[in-house]
Amino acid sequence: MSDELCQSLLDCYNTGHCKELKASDGKTFHLFPIKHEVAYNNSVIAVEAEYSHEGLTQAIVHLLAIYHNYNGLLNDNERDTLTGLLNRKTFDQKIGKIMSALHSNAMRKDDRAGVSYFIAIFDIDHFKRVNDEFGHLIGDEVLLLFSQMMTKSFRDSDPLFRFGGEEFVGVFGCAQDADIDMVLKRFTDKLQVFNFPQVGRVTASIGYTRLTADSAPSQLVDRADLALYYAKNHGRNRTCSYDELKAQGLLQEDIKEGEIELF
């Protein structure tokens, strides 16, 4: 692919406008952008003019308009209206696909993928105080900025959800189990130094657990929740692993003593 074509594809992608490219070899291409409401998997269709005509060009434009409207309806149904993250009702579908892949690999004893998956729950510390002191408008701004920081910190391939209120969920694929700590620390390091307008510094507690093929999605959420509550009950502004806490007997002790604090 020539540099000229690459640049034209990039221009079409960035502007969202159709373009016509006359390449140095004499060929002409019609370029059509496919832009999504939420920036995932945007692309460009390139049609060589030799195989195109005015009627086909108009048909492509109309089909893309229909696709754009359809995609907008899907986004409205799957996305949280405030943050643009995936919403709670899409979680089971997304996590189900990952669990099915894990189960298939386990049945085949296939370790070639070499990827471990983790579910992490993020909860903004003392968010009720933000709403009470600054109002819900500022609270919504904190939620939006927090979600944008998540989007910028994690990969597009790691689905992010807003479960409601100040609670967010991420599903992360890691080449090695130890990588999840670095992935989450990269986010919390950015959060530590970010200054939220009017509010100032905001912290978050995180609980996570490893996905296993024999666990239901609801069980995984419950495990991550237990780790999250442990983090909030032991100083907040920390990240806790369900699997590590369970191995150390700390979760069982907390549950017996009724020490878990939710707010």
C-alpha atoms as a PDB file:
ATOM      1  CA  MET A   1       0.000   0.000   0.000  1.00  0.00           C
ATOM      2  CA  SER A   2       1.426   3.386  -1.012  1.00  0.00           C
ATOM      3  CA  ASP A   3       2.101   6.212   1.426  1.00  0.00           C
ATOM      4  CA  GLU A   4      -0.417   8.318  -0.480  1.00  0.00           C
ATOM      5  CA  LEU A   5      -3.181   5.766   0.008  1.00  0.00           C
ATOM      6  CA  CYS A   6      -2.281   5.322   3.678  1.00  0.00           C
ATOM      7  CA  GLN A   7      -2.493   9.079   4.270  1.00  0.00           C
ATOM      8  CA  SER A   8      -5.826   9.339   2.457  1.00  0.00           C
ATOM      9  CA  LEU A   9      -7.237   6.447   4.490  1.00  0.00           C
ATOM     10  CA  LEU A  10      -6.076   8.169   7.665  1.00  0.00           C
ATOM     11  CA  ASP A  11      -7.620  11.498   6.597  1.00  0.00           C
ATOM     12  CA  CYS A  12     -10.915   9.789   5.790  1.00  0.00           C
ATOM     13  CA  TYR A  13     -10.837   7.953   9.123  1.00  0.00           C
ATOM     14  CA  ASN A  14     -10.065  11.090  11.165  1.00  0.00           C
ATOM     15  CA  THR A  15     -12.490  13.482   9.438  1.00  0.00           C
ATOM     16  CA  GLY A  16     -15.358  11.049   8.940  1.00  0.00           C
ATOM     17  CA  HIS A  17     -15.868  12.365   5.390  1.00  0.00           C
ATOM     18  CA  CYS A  18     -15.904  10.448   2.100  1.00  0.00           C
ATOM     19  CA  LYS A  19     -12.904  11.030  -0.137  1.00  0.00           C
ATOM     20  CA  GLU A  20     -11.797  10.308  -3.669  1.00  0.00           C
ATOM     21  CA  LEU A  21      -8.175   9.345  -4.136  1.00  0.00           C
ATOM     22  CA  LYS A  22      -6.298   9.400  -7.429  1.00  0.00           C
ATOM     23  CA  ALA A  23      -3.249   7.247  -6.820  1.00  0.00           C
ATOM     24  CA  SER A  24       0.106   7.750  -8.516  1.00  0.00           C
ATOM     25  CA  ASP A  25      -0.396   4.570 -10.535  1.00  0.00           C
ATOM     26  CA  GLY A  26      -3.481   6.096 -12.153  1.00  0.00           C
ATOM     27  CA  LYS A  27      -6.050   4.163 -10.149  1.00  0.00           C
ATOM     28  CA  THR A  28      -8.922   5.987  -8.464  1.00  0.00           C
ATOM     29  CA  PHE A  29     -10.412   4.907  -5.122  1.00  0.00           C
ATOM     30  CA  HIS A  30     -13.586   5.994  -3.361  1.00  0.00           C
ATOM     31  CA  LEU A  31     -13.081   6.002   0.425  1.00  0.00           C
ATOM     32  CA  PHE A  32     -15.991   5.666   2.846  1.00  0.00           C
ATOM     33  CA  PRO A  33     -15.555   6.046   6.638  1.00  0.00           C
ATOM     34  CA  ILE A  34     -17.353   3.866   9.170  1.00  0.00           C
ATOM     35  CA  LYS A  35     -17.470   5.867  12.393  1.00  0.00           C
ATOM     36  CA  HIS A  36     -19.005   4.549  15.594  1.00  0.00           C
ATOM     37  CA  GLU A  37     -20.545   6.645  18.362  1.00  0.00           C
ATOM     38  CA  VAL A  38     -18.069   5.125  20.792  1.00  0.00           C
ATOM     39  CA  ALA A  39     -14.584   4.832  19.334  1.00  0.00           C
ATOM     40  CA  TYR A  40     -14.201   1.085  18.904  1.00  0.00           C
ATOM     41  CA  ASN A  41     -13.132  -0.565  15.641  1.00  0.00           C
ATOM     42  CA  ASN A  42     -13.678   2.435  13.359  1.00  0.00           C
ATOM     43  CA  SER A  43     -12.690   1.650   9.780  1.00  0.00           C
ATOM     44  CA  VAL A  44     -12.642   2.780   6.143  1.00  0.00           C
ATOM     45  CA  ILE A  45     -14.021   1.067   3.034  1.00  0.00           C
ATOM     46  CA  ALA A  46     -11.933   1.586  -0.120  1.00  0.00           C
ATOM     47  CA  VAL A  47     -13.587   0.814  -3.489  1.00  0.00           C
ATOM     48  CA  GLU A  48     -11.535   0.969  -6.672  1.00  0.00           C
ATOM     49  CA  ALA A  49     -13.305   3.191  -9.222  1.00  0.00           C
ATOM     50  CA  GLU A  50     -12.781   0.634 -11.988  1.00  0.00           C
ATOM     51  CA  TYR A  51     -15.342  -1.550 -10.245  1.00  0.00           C
ATOM     52  CA  SER A  52     -17.545   1.336  -9.164  1.00  0.00           C
ATOM     53  CA  HIS A  53     -20.041   3.751 -10.691  1.00  0.00           C
ATOM     54  CA  GLU A  54     -22.235   6.595  -9.480  1.00  0.00           C
ATOM     55  CA  GLY A  55     -25.130   4.301  -8.608  1.00  0.00           C
ATOM     56  CA  LEU A  56     -22.918   1.991  -6.554  1.00  0.00           C
ATOM     57  CA  THR A  57     -21.302   4.935  -4.787  1.00  0.00           C
ATOM     58  CA  GLN A  58     -24.700   6.315  -3.760  1.00  0.00           C
ATOM     59  CA  ALA A  59     -25.830   2.852  -2.662  1.00  0.00           C
ATOM     60  CA  ILE A  60     -22.773   2.516  -0.413  1.00  0.00           C
ATOM     61  CA  VAL A  61     -23.441   5.952   1.107  1.00  0.00           C
ATOM     62  CA  HIS A  62     -27.075   5.020   1.838  1.00  0.00           C
ATOM     63  CA  LEU A  63     -26.122   1.629   3.282  1.00  0.00           C
ATOM     64  CA  LEU A  64     -23.538   3.233   5.558  1.00  0.00           C
ATOM     65  CA  ALA A  65     -26.148   5.750   6.740  1.00  0.00           C
ATOM     66  CA  ILE A  66     -28.469   2.860   7.617  1.00  0.00           C
ATOM     67  CA  TYR A  67     -25.609   1.081   9.376  1.00  0.00           C
ATOM     68  CA  HIS A  68     -24.745   4.235  11.320  1.00  0.00           C
ATOM     69  CA  ASN A  69     -28.348   4.564  12.526  1.00  0.00           C
ATOM     70  CA  TYR A  70     -28.476   0.867  13.439  1.00  0.00           C
ATOM     71  CA  ASN A  71     -25.179   1.119  15.285  1.00  0.00           C
ATOM     72  CA  GLY A  72     -26.504   4.146  17.151  1.00  0.00           C
ATOM     73  CA  LEU A  73     -29.502   2.115  18.330  1.00  0.00           C
ATOM     74  CA  LEU A  74     -27.176  -0.655  19.512  1.00  0.00           C
ATOM     75  CA  ASN A  75     -25.051   1.856  21.400  1.00  0.00           C
ATOM     76  CA  ASP A  76     -28.137   3.364  23.030  1.00  0.00           C
ATOM     77  CA  ASN A  77     -29.141  -0.116  24.185  1.00  0.00           C
ATOM     78  CA  GLU A  78     -25.693  -1.296  25.335  1.00  0.00           C
ATOM     79  CA  ARG A  79     -24.051   1.885  26.603  1.00  0.00           C
ATOM     80  CA  ASP A  80     -24.399   3.882  29.788  1.00  0.00           C
ATOM     81  CA  THR A  81     -25.831   7.257  28.814  1.00  0.00           C
ATOM     82  CA  LEU A  82     -23.529   9.312  31.049  1.00  0.00           C
ATOM     83  CA  THR A  83     -20.152   7.661  30.542  1.00  0.00           C
ATOM     84  CA  GLY A  84     -20.469   5.796  27.237  1.00  0.00           C
ATOM     85  CA  LEU A  85     -19.152   2.627  28.879  1.00  0.00           C
ATOM     86  CA  LEU A  86     -20.983  -0.659  28.477  1.00  0.00           C
ATOM     87  CA  ASN A  87     -23.953  -0.944  30.826  1.00  0.00           C
ATOM     88  CA  ARG A  88     -24.851  -3.585  33.380  1.00  0.00           C
ATOM     89  CA  LYS A  89     -27.227  -5.569  31.185  1.00  0.00           C
ATOM     90  CA  THR A  90     -24.515  -6.244  28.585  1.00  0.00           C
ATOM     91  CA  PHE A  91     -22.144  -7.714  31.171  1.00  0.00           C
ATOM     92  CA  ASP A  92     -23.521 -11.266  31.184  1.00  0.00           C
ATOM     93  CA  GLN A  93     -23.323 -11.452  27.387  1.00  0.00           C
ATOM     94  CA  LYS A  94     -19.742 -10.176  27.212  1.00  0.00           C
ATOM     95  CA  ILE A  95     -18.465 -12.244  30.128  1.00  0.00           C
ATOM     96  CA  GLY A  96     -20.341 -15.281  28.815  1.00  0.00           C
ATOM     97  CA  LYS A  97     -18.299 -15.248  25.602  1.00  0.00           C
ATOM     98  CA  ILE A  98     -15.049 -15.168  27.566  1.00  0.00           C
ATOM     99  CA  MET A  99     -16.238 -17.942  29.887  1.00  0.00           C
ATOM    100  CA  SER A 100     -17.231 -20.095  26.898  1.00  0.00           C
ATOM    101  CA  ALA A 101     -13.758 -19.690  25.418  1.00  0.00           C
ATOM    102  CA  LEU A 102     -12.158 -20.591  28.748  1.00  0.00           C
ATOM    103  CA  HIS A 103     -14.374 -23.651  29.074  1.00  0.00           C
ATOM    104  CA  SER A 104     -13.562 -24.793  25.525  1.00  0.00           C
ATOM    105  CA  ASN A 105      -9.839 -24.414  26.157  1.00  0.00           C
ATOM    106  CA  ALA A 106     -10.140 -26.335  29.423  1.00  0.00           C
ATOM    107  CA  MET A 107     -12.024 -29.181  27.714  1.00  0.00           C
ATOM    108  CA  ARG A 108      -9.344 -29.367  25.018  1.00  0.00           C
ATOM    109  CA  LYS A 109      -6.576 -28.768  27.554  1.00  0.00           C
ATOM    110  CA  ASP A 110      -5.502 -25.992  25.218  1.00  0.00           C
ATOM    111  CA  ASP A 111      -3.037 -23.591  26.804  1.00  0.00           C
ATOM    112  CA  ARG A 112      -1.843 -22.074  23.555  1.00  0.00           C
ATOM    113  CA  ALA A 113      -3.694 -18.827  24.091  1.00  0.00           C
ATOM    114  CA  GLY A 114      -1.699 -18.246  27.271  1.00  0.00           C
ATOM    115  CA  VAL A 115      -4.123 -15.587  28.498  1.00  0.00           C
ATOM    116  CA  SER A 116      -5.616 -15.303  31.977  1.00  0.00           C
ATOM    117  CA  TYR A 117      -8.711 -13.169  32.519  1.00  0.00           C
ATOM    118  CA  PHE A 118      -9.609 -11.123  35.573  1.00  0.00           C
ATOM    119  CA  ILE A 119     -12.693  -9.210  36.607  1.00  0.00           C
ATOM    120  CA  ALA A 120     -12.121  -6.055  38.650  1.00  0.00           C
ATOM    121  CA  ILE A 121     -14.690  -3.854  40.383  1.00  0.00           C
ATOM    122  CA  PHE A 122     -13.820  -0.178  40.890  1.00  0.00           C
ATOM    123  CA  ASP A 123     -15.649   1.908  43.483  1.00  0.00           C
ATOM    124  CA  ILE A 124     -15.014   5.637  43.979  1.00  0.00           C
ATOM    125  CA  ASP A 125     -14.279   6.253  47.652  1.00  0.00           C
ATOM    126  CA  HIS A 126     -16.652   8.518  49.601  1.00  0.00           C
ATOM    127  CA  PHE A 127     -18.604   9.399  46.473  1.00  0.00           C
ATOM    128  CA  LYS A 128     -21.716  10.199  48.508  1.00  0.00           C
ATOM    129  CA  ARG A 129     -19.762  13.012  50.134  1.00  0.00           C
ATOM    130  CA  VAL A 130     -18.996  14.432  46.689  1.00  0.00           C
ATOM    131  CA  ASN A 131     -22.701  14.531  45.826  1.00  0.00           C
ATOM    132  CA  ASP A 132     -23.662  15.928  49.229  1.00  0.00           C
ATOM    133  CA  GLU A 133     -20.991  18.643  49.265  1.00  0.00           C
ATOM    134  CA  PHE A 134     -20.813  19.666  45.606  1.00  0.00           C
ATOM    135  CA  GLY A 135     -24.126  18.508  44.144  1.00  0.00           C
ATOM    136  CA  HIS A 136     -25.092  15.843  41.636  1.00  0.00           C
ATOM    137  CA  LEU A 137     -23.929  17.854  38.618  1.00  0.00           C
ATOM    138  CA  ILE A 138     -20.353  17.852  39.901  1.00  0.00           C
ATOM    139  CA  GLY A 139     -20.810  14.231  40.942  1.00  0.00           C
ATOM    140  CA  ASP A 140     -21.745  13.332  37.371  1.00  0.00           C
ATOM    141  CA  GLU A 141     -18.654  15.164  36.132  1.00  0.00           C
ATOM    142  CA  VAL A 142     -16.496  13.078  38.472  1.00  0.00           C
ATOM    143  CA  LEU A 143     -18.103   9.889  37.122  1.00  0.00           C
ATOM    144  CA  LEU A 144     -17.532  11.007  33.534  1.00  0.00           C
ATOM    145  CA  LEU A 145     -13.888  11.975  34.097  1.00  0.00           C
ATOM    146  CA  PHE A 146     -13.263   8.765  36.038  1.00  0.00           C
ATOM    147  CA  SER A 147     -14.682   6.689  33.176  1.00  0.00           C
ATOM    148  CA  GLN A 148     -12.622   8.616  30.621  1.00  0.00           C
ATOM    149  CA  MET A 149      -9.501   7.925  32.646  1.00  0.00           C
ATOM    150  CA  MET A 150     -10.378   4.222  32.615  1.00  0.00           C
ATOM    151  CA  THR A 151     -10.852   4.276  28.841  1.00  0.00           C
ATOM    152  CA  LYS A 152      -7.474   5.950  28.320  1.00  0.00           C
ATOM    153  CA  SER A 153      -5.666   3.689  30.801  1.00  0.00           C
ATOM    154  CA  PHE A 154      -6.863   0.313  29.527  1.00  0.00           C
ATOM    155  CA  ARG A 155      -6.866  -1.359  26.128  1.00  0.00           C
ATOM    156  CA  ASP A 156      -9.817  -1.276  23.734  1.00  0.00           C
ATOM    157  CA  SER A 157      -9.920  -5.075  23.975  1.00  0.00           C
ATOM    158  CA  ASP A 158     -10.619  -4.894  27.737  1.00  0.00           C
ATOM    159  CA  PRO A 159     -14.388  -4.281  28.113  1.00  0.00           C
ATOM    160  CA  LEU A 160     -15.358  -1.644  30.675  1.00  0.00           C
ATOM    161  CA  PHE A 161     -18.778  -1.348  32.301  1.00  0.00           C
ATOM    162  CA  ARG A 162     -20.611   1.046  34.553  1.00  0.00           C
ATOM    163  CA  PHE A 163     -22.695  -1.065  36.908  1.00  0.00           C
ATOM    164  CA  GLY A 164     -24.486   1.914  38.407  1.00  0.00           C
ATOM    165  CA  GLY A 165     -23.735   4.780  40.758  1.00  0.00           C
ATOM    166  CA  GLU A 166     -20.008   5.017  41.400  1.00  0.00           C
ATOM    167  CA  GLU A 167     -19.294   1.351  40.638  1.00  0.00           C
ATOM    168  CA  PHE A 168     -17.419   0.293  37.506  1.00  0.00           C
ATOM    169  CA  VAL A 169     -16.249  -3.092  36.230  1.00  0.00           C
ATOM    170  CA  GLY A 170     -13.434  -4.112  33.900  1.00  0.00           C
ATOM    171  CA  VAL A 171     -12.501  -7.472  32.388  1.00  0.00           C
ATOM    172  CA  PHE A 172      -8.797  -7.774  31.605  1.00  0.00           C
ATOM    173  CA  GLY A 173      -6.799 -10.334  29.656  1.00  0.00           C
ATOM    174  CA  CYS A 174      -3.216 -10.782  30.861  1.00  0.00           C
ATOM    175  CA  ALA A 175      -0.378 -12.866  29.449  1.00  0.00           C
ATOM    176  CA  GLN A 176       0.750 -13.641  33.004  1.00  0.00           C
ATOM    177  CA  ASP A 177      -1.217 -13.607  36.256  1.00  0.00           C
ATOM    178  CA  ALA A 178       1.132 -11.038  37.788  1.00  0.00           C
ATOM    179  CA  ASP A 179       0.360  -8.575  34.981  1.00  0.00           C
ATOM    180  CA  ILE A 180      -3.042  -7.692  36.447  1.00  0.00           C
ATOM    181  CA  ASP A 181      -1.375  -5.894  39.351  1.00  0.00           C
ATOM    182  CA  MET A 182       0.617  -3.721  36.946  1.00  0.00           C
ATOM    183  CA  VAL A 183      -2.461  -3.041  34.810  1.00  0.00           C
ATOM    184  CA  LEU A 184      -4.495  -1.821  37.779  1.00  0.00           C
ATOM    185  CA  LYS A 185      -1.573   0.075  39.328  1.00  0.00           C
ATOM    186  CA  ARG A 186      -1.081   2.007  36.107  1.00  0.00           C
ATOM    187  CA  PHE A 187      -4.646   3.268  36.470  1.00  0.00           C
ATOM    188  CA  THR A 188      -4.459   4.064  40.186  1.00  0.00           C
ATOM    189  CA  ASP A 189      -1.159   5.922  39.686  1.00  0.00           C
ATOM    190  CA  LYS A 190      -2.884   8.219  37.179  1.00  0.00           C
ATOM    191  CA  LEU A 191      -5.848   8.637  39.503  1.00  0.00           C
ATOM    192  CA  GLN A 192      -3.584   9.622  42.404  1.00  0.00           C
ATOM    193  CA  VAL A 193      -2.285  12.712  40.599  1.00  0.00           C
ATOM    194  CA  PHE A 194      -5.444  13.774  38.763  1.00  0.00           C
ATOM    195  CA  ASN A 195      -7.146  16.930  39.985  1.00  0.00           C
ATOM    196  CA  PHE A 196     -10.924  16.755  39.570  1.00  0.00           C
ATOM    197  CA  PRO A 197     -12.427  20.245  39.032  1.00  0.00           C
ATOM    198  CA  GLN A 198     -13.760  21.696  42.308  1.00  0.00           C
ATOM    199  CA  VAL A 199     -13.447  18.332  44.048  1.00  0.00           C
ATOM    200  CA  GLY A 200      -9.677  17.850  43.912  1.00  0.00           C
ATOM    201  CA  ARG A 201      -8.192  14.425  44.536  1.00  0.00           C
ATOM    202  CA  VAL A 202     -10.413  11.353  44.315  1.00  0.00           C
ATOM    203  CA  THR A 203      -9.416   7.806  45.240  1.00  0.00           C
ATOM    204  CA  ALA A 204     -10.896   4.421  44.415  1.00  0.00           C
ATOM    205  CA  SER A 205     -10.985   0.975  45.961  1.00  0.00           C
ATOM    206  CA  ILE A 206     -10.611  -2.045  43.678  1.00  0.00           C
ATOM    207  CA  GLY A 207     -11.388  -5.717  44.176  1.00  0.00           C
ATOM    208  CA  TYR A 208     -10.575  -8.350  41.591  1.00  0.00           C
ATOM    209  CA  THR A 209     -10.574 -12.082  40.993  1.00  0.00           C
ATOM    210  CA  ARG A 210      -9.321 -14.489  38.353  1.00  0.00           C
ATOM    211  CA  LEU A 211     -11.855 -15.920  35.920  1.00  0.00           C
ATOM    212  CA  THR A 212     -12.125 -19.703  35.975  1.00  0.00           C
ATOM    213  CA  ALA A 213     -13.998 -21.931  33.538  1.00  0.00           C
ATOM    214  CA  ASP A 214     -16.065 -23.578  36.294  1.00  0.00           C
ATOM    215  CA  SER A 215     -17.467 -20.350  37.793  1.00  0.00           C
ATOM    216  CA  ALA A 216     -20.702 -18.569  36.940  1.00  0.00           C
ATOM    217  CA  PRO A 217     -20.533 -14.832  36.138  1.00  0.00           C
ATOM    218  CA  SER A 218     -22.550 -14.049  39.280  1.00  0.00           C
ATOM    219  CA  GLN A 219     -20.016 -15.953  41.415  1.00  0.00           C
ATOM    220  CA  LEU A 220     -17.150 -13.992  39.898  1.00  0.00           C
ATOM    221  CA  VAL A 221     -18.873 -10.686  40.617  1.00  0.00           C
ATOM    222  CA  ASP A 222     -19.527 -11.791  44.201  1.00  0.00           C
ATOM    223  CA  ARG A 223     -15.857 -12.695  44.676  1.00  0.00           C
ATOM    224  CA  ALA A 224     -14.616  -9.405  43.275  1.00  0.00           C
ATOM    225  CA  ASP A 225     -17.196  -7.640  45.455  1.00  0.00           C
ATOM    226  CA  LEU A 226     -15.862  -9.344  48.583  1.00  0.00           C
ATOM    227  CA  ALA A 227     -12.341  -8.205  47.735  1.00  0.00           C
ATOM    228  CA  LEU A 228     -13.657  -4.695  47.068  1.00  0.00           C
ATOM    229  CA  TYR A 229     -15.457  -4.536  50.403  1.00  0.00           C
ATOM    230  CA  TYR A 230     -12.314  -5.748  52.146  1.00  0.00           C
ATOM    231  CA  ALA A 231     -10.371  -2.918  50.489  1.00  0.00           C
ATOM    232  CA  LYS A 232     -12.962  -0.339  51.548  1.00  0.00           C
ATOM    233  CA  ASN A 233     -13.062  -1.710  55.081  1.00  0.00           C
ATOM    234  CA  HIS A 234      -9.284  -1.590  55.456  1.00  0.00           C
ATOM    235  CA  GLY A 235      -8.474   1.989  54.623  1.00  0.00           C
ATOM    236  CA  ARG A 236      -9.869   2.394  51.089  1.00  0.00           C
ATOM    237  CA  ASN A 237      -7.667   3.629  48.230  1.00  0.00           C
ATOM    238  CA  ARG A 238      -6.253   0.145  47.742  1.00  0.00           C
ATOM    239  CA  THR A 239      -6.455  -2.841  45.410  1.00  0.00           C
ATOM    240  CA  CYS A 240      -7.235  -6.307  46.791  1.00  0.00           C
ATOM    241  CA  SER A 241      -7.269  -9.756  45.207  1.00  0.00           C
ATOM    242  CA  TYR A 242     -10.014 -12.164  46.245  1.00  0.00           C
ATOM    243  CA  ASP A 243      -7.779 -15.146  45.548  1.00  0.00           C
ATOM    244  CA  GLU A 244      -4.934 -13.815  47.709  1.00  0.00           C
ATOM    245  CA  LEU A 245      -7.247 -12.780  50.544  1.00  0.00           C
ATOM    246  CA  LYS A 246      -8.940 -16.178  50.523  1.00  0.00           C
ATOM    247  CA  ALA A 247      -5.591 -17.988  50.570  1.00  0.00           C
ATOM    248  CA  GLN A 248      -4.602 -15.967  53.631  1.00  0.00           C
ATOM    249  CA  GLY A 249      -7.935 -16.608  55.380  1.00  0.00           C
ATOM    250  CA  LEU A 250      -8.650 -12.884  55.620  1.00  0.00           C
ATOM    251  CA  LEU A 251     -11.988 -12.839  53.836  1.00  0.00           C
ATOM    252  CA  GLN A 252     -13.487 -15.574  56.000  1.00  0.00           C
ATOM    253  CA  GLU A 253     -12.374 -13.733  59.127  1.00  0.00           C
ATOM    254  CA  ASP A 254     -13.941 -10.483  57.943  1.00  0.00           C
ATOM    255  CA  ILE A 255     -17.245 -12.147  57.074  1.00  0.00           C
ATOM    256  CA  LYS A 256     -17.467 -13.915  60.438  1.00  0.00           C
ATOM    257  CA  GLU A 257     -16.799 -10.720  62.340  1.00  0.00           C
ATOM    258  CA  GLY A 258     -19.294  -8.768  60.235  1.00  0.00           C
ATOM    259  CA  GLU A 259     -16.751  -6.059  59.578  1.00  0.00           C
ATOM    260  CA  ILE A 260     -17.472  -5.389  55.926  1.00  0.00           C
ATOM    261  CA  GLU A 261     -18.488  -1.775  55.466  1.00  0.00           C
ATOM    262  CA  LEU A 262     -20.354  -0.906  52.274  1.00  0.00           C
ATOM    263  CA  PHE A 263     -20.226   2.899  52.212  1.00  0.00           C
END
